[in-house]
Amino acid sequence: MSSQDLILGRLTTILSETDNSKAATLLKMVEEAGRTFIGGAGRSLLVSRFFAMRLVHAGYNVSMIGEVVTPAIKAGDLLILVSGSGGTETLLPFVKKAKSVGAKLVVISMKKSSAMADVADLVVQIGNDNSFPLTKGMPMGSQFELSTLIFLEAAIADLIFAKGLTEEGMRAIHANLE
């Protein structure tokens, strides 16, 4: 078996064990939010940036947490955090702040229950509690991060179809100072 087959096989299994109906709930929460704030740490931060960028391309008001130009979160806003463990220490203060001002919280995690998930308005569990065995060739979270990326890209594809978004329209919003 090639490494590519190994990776694709694991991702296919994990995504088949994921409740895909959560994507519609996630997108509904983004639609209803005043503003959406997104974050993560490490490679999960990179995955969260993919999702944030696509939401911006779809016309939503999105900020990445931790950036110097990120405004204050307030009631009516939405915080989406990507955290495999659901307990990333550096993200917990953001959870506390969002909840204290009345913002909603979505946690995308491999854990159904965690410090973040237990206070979230929505938990999007990627896979299930047994979906992430140690797999040689897919070290330190690769299975979660890649599965999450695909899950979120599929959610964006659903959004594109539901809203009738076009490549041209999305491209017109794409950053032009890069």
Protein backbone atom coordinates (compact mmCIF):
# COMPACT_ATOMS: atom_id res chain seq x y z
CA MET A 1 0.00 0.00 0.00
CA SER A 2 1.36 3.42 -0.93
CA SER A 3 1.48 6.25 1.58
CA GLN A 4 -1.11 8.08 -0.49
CA ASP A 5 -3.45 5.08 -0.27
CA LEU A 6 -2.88 4.92 3.49
CA ILE A 7 -3.75 8.60 3.95
CA LEU A 8 -6.79 8.54 1.66
CA GLY A 9 -8.05 5.35 3.29
CA ARG A 10 -7.81 6.79 6.79
CA LEU A 11 -9.50 10.06 5.75
CA THR A 12 -12.31 8.17 4.01
CA THR A 13 -12.90 6.08 7.13
CA ILE A 14 -12.86 9.07 9.48
CA LEU A 15 -15.21 11.12 7.30
CA SER A 16 -17.60 8.15 6.99
CA GLU A 17 -17.75 8.15 10.82
CA THR A 18 -18.48 11.90 10.96
CA ASP A 19 -22.00 13.30 11.34
CA ASN A 20 -22.17 15.38 8.17
CA SER A 21 -25.47 16.98 9.22
CA LYS A 22 -23.39 19.17 11.56
CA ALA A 23 -22.11 21.07 8.52
CA ALA A 24 -25.56 22.52 7.86
CA THR A 25 -25.91 23.55 11.51
CA LEU A 26 -22.46 25.17 11.42
CA LEU A 27 -23.31 27.13 8.27
CA LYS A 28 -26.67 28.21 9.73
CA MET A 29 -24.84 29.58 12.77
CA VAL A 30 -22.42 31.49 10.53
CA GLU A 31 -25.37 32.88 8.57
CA GLU A 32 -27.12 34.04 11.75
CA ALA A 33 -24.01 35.52 13.40
CA GLY A 34 -23.26 39.21 13.42
CA ARG A 35 -19.60 38.42 12.86
CA THR A 36 -17.62 35.19 12.88
CA PHE A 37 -14.30 34.76 14.65
CA ILE A 38 -12.19 31.72 13.86
CA GLY A 39 -9.07 30.24 15.41
CA GLY A 40 -6.99 27.27 16.39
CA ALA A 41 -3.40 26.48 17.31
CA GLY A 42 -0.61 24.82 15.35
CA ARG A 43 -1.76 22.90 12.30
CA SER A 44 -5.39 23.30 13.43
CA LEU A 45 -4.84 27.05 13.09
CA LEU A 46 -3.82 26.50 9.48
CA VAL A 47 -6.99 24.49 8.84
CA SER A 48 -9.07 27.22 10.49
CA ARG A 49 -7.47 29.79 8.16
CA PHE A 50 -8.58 27.78 5.10
CA PHE A 51 -12.17 27.89 6.37
CA ALA A 52 -12.02 31.58 7.31
CA MET A 53 -10.72 32.49 3.86
CA ARG A 54 -13.51 30.62 2.10
CA LEU A 55 -16.16 32.22 4.30
CA VAL A 56 -14.74 35.64 3.39
CA HIS A 57 -14.88 34.65 -0.29
CA ALA A 58 -18.54 33.76 0.28
CA GLY A 59 -19.20 37.27 1.60
CA TYR A 60 -19.19 36.77 5.37
CA ASN A 61 -17.67 39.10 7.97
CA VAL A 62 -14.87 36.93 9.39
CA SER A 63 -11.89 37.66 11.63
CA MET A 64 -9.05 35.42 12.76
CA ILE A 65 -8.52 35.59 16.51
CA GLY A 66 -5.15 36.86 17.63
CA GLU A 67 -4.59 39.24 14.72
CA VAL A 68 -3.85 42.87 15.59
CA VAL A 69 -6.82 44.13 13.56
CA THR A 70 -9.35 41.69 15.03
CA PRO A 71 -12.22 43.60 16.66
CA ALA A 72 -13.80 42.78 20.02
CA ILE A 73 -16.22 39.87 20.09
CA LYS A 74 -19.69 40.62 21.44
CA ALA A 75 -23.17 39.18 21.86
CA GLY A 76 -24.58 37.93 18.56
CA ASP A 77 -21.14 36.97 17.25
CA LEU A 78 -19.82 33.45 16.68
CA LEU A 79 -16.48 31.95 17.70
CA ILE A 80 -15.37 28.82 15.84
CA LEU A 81 -12.38 26.98 17.25
CA VAL A 82 -10.58 24.03 15.66
CA SER A 83 -8.91 21.92 18.33
CA GLY A 84 -8.29 18.20 18.05
CA SER A 85 -8.14 17.78 21.82
CA GLY A 86 -10.75 20.40 22.63
CA GLY A 87 -8.52 21.48 25.47
CA THR A 88 -5.76 23.55 23.88
CA GLU A 89 -4.59 25.75 26.77
CA THR A 90 -3.90 28.82 24.62
CA LEU A 91 -7.49 28.76 23.27
CA LEU A 92 -9.33 28.38 26.58
CA PRO A 93 -9.20 32.15 27.40
CA PHE A 94 -10.96 32.84 24.07
CA VAL A 95 -13.71 30.39 25.03
CA LYS A 96 -14.16 32.14 28.38
CA LYS A 97 -14.27 35.61 26.81
CA ALA A 98 -16.72 34.61 24.06
CA LYS A 99 -19.08 32.99 26.55
CA SER A 100 -18.82 35.93 28.99
CA VAL A 101 -20.01 38.44 26.36
CA GLY A 102 -22.82 36.24 25.05
CA ALA A 103 -21.24 35.07 21.79
CA LYS A 104 -21.97 31.58 20.52
CA LEU A 105 -19.22 28.93 20.40
CA VAL A 106 -18.58 26.15 17.90
CA VAL A 107 -15.86 23.64 18.64
CA ILE A 108 -14.56 21.39 15.88
CA SER A 109 -12.73 18.53 17.55
CA MET A 110 -12.06 14.81 17.58
CA LYS A 111 -13.56 14.72 21.09
CA LYS A 112 -17.27 14.78 21.83
CA SER A 113 -16.54 15.95 25.36
CA SER A 114 -13.72 18.30 26.42
CA ALA A 115 -13.11 21.57 28.24
CA MET A 116 -14.23 23.47 25.12
CA ALA A 117 -16.91 21.08 23.88
CA ASP A 118 -18.68 20.96 27.22
CA VAL A 119 -19.51 24.70 27.02
CA ALA A 120 -20.02 24.91 23.25
CA ASP A 121 -23.28 25.72 21.51
CA LEU A 122 -22.29 23.22 18.80
CA VAL A 123 -19.68 20.49 18.80
CA VAL A 124 -18.66 19.20 15.40
CA GLN A 125 -16.96 15.93 16.19
CA ILE A 126 -14.77 14.79 13.34
CA GLY A 127 -14.96 11.00 13.31
CA ASN A 128 -15.85 9.43 16.64
CA ASP A 129 -14.02 8.66 19.86
CA ASN A 130 -12.32 5.65 18.22
CA SER A 131 -11.48 7.17 14.82
CA PHE A 132 -7.90 8.19 15.50
CA PRO A 133 -5.64 5.23 16.23
CA LEU A 134 -1.89 5.78 16.11
CA THR A 135 -1.04 5.34 12.44
CA LYS A 136 2.55 5.16 11.27
CA GLY A 137 2.99 7.70 8.49
CA MET A 138 0.31 10.04 9.84
CA PRO A 139 1.93 11.58 12.90
CA MET A 140 0.77 14.03 15.55
CA GLY A 141 -2.72 14.99 14.47
CA SER A 142 -2.48 14.59 10.70
CA GLN A 143 -5.62 12.44 10.59
CA PHE A 144 -7.68 15.05 12.44
CA GLU A 145 -6.37 18.08 10.59
CA LEU A 146 -6.75 16.62 7.11
CA SER A 147 -10.20 15.20 7.87
CA THR A 148 -11.29 18.54 9.28
CA LEU A 149 -9.99 20.37 6.22
CA ILE A 150 -12.01 18.10 3.93
CA PHE A 151 -15.12 18.36 6.15
CA LEU A 152 -14.95 22.16 6.10
CA GLU A 153 -14.24 22.33 2.35
CA ALA A 154 -17.31 20.14 1.79
CA ALA A 155 -19.33 22.53 3.99
CA ILE A 156 -18.15 25.40 1.76
CA ALA A 157 -19.15 23.39 -1.32
CA ASP A 158 -22.64 22.98 0.22
CA LEU A 159 -22.73 26.75 0.82
CA ILE A 160 -21.71 27.46 -2.79
CA PHE A 161 -24.55 25.30 -4.10
CA ALA A 162 -27.13 26.59 -1.59
CA LYS A 163 -26.38 30.27 -2.23
CA GLY A 164 -25.66 29.95 -5.94
CA LEU A 165 -22.17 31.42 -5.49
CA THR A 166 -20.01 31.64 -8.58
CA GLU A 167 -16.28 31.37 -9.08
CA GLU A 168 -16.30 34.90 -10.53
CA GLY A 169 -18.17 36.34 -7.57
CA MET A 170 -15.91 34.63 -5.05
CA ARG A 171 -12.79 35.67 -6.96
CA ALA A 172 -13.96 39.31 -6.90
CA ILE A 173 -13.80 39.19 -3.08
CA HIS A 174 -10.45 37.35 -2.98
CA ALA A 175 -7.52 39.33 -1.57
CA ASN A 176 -5.81 41.45 -4.20
CA LEU A 177 -3.02 42.80 -1.98
CA GLU A 178 -0.97 39.62 -1.77
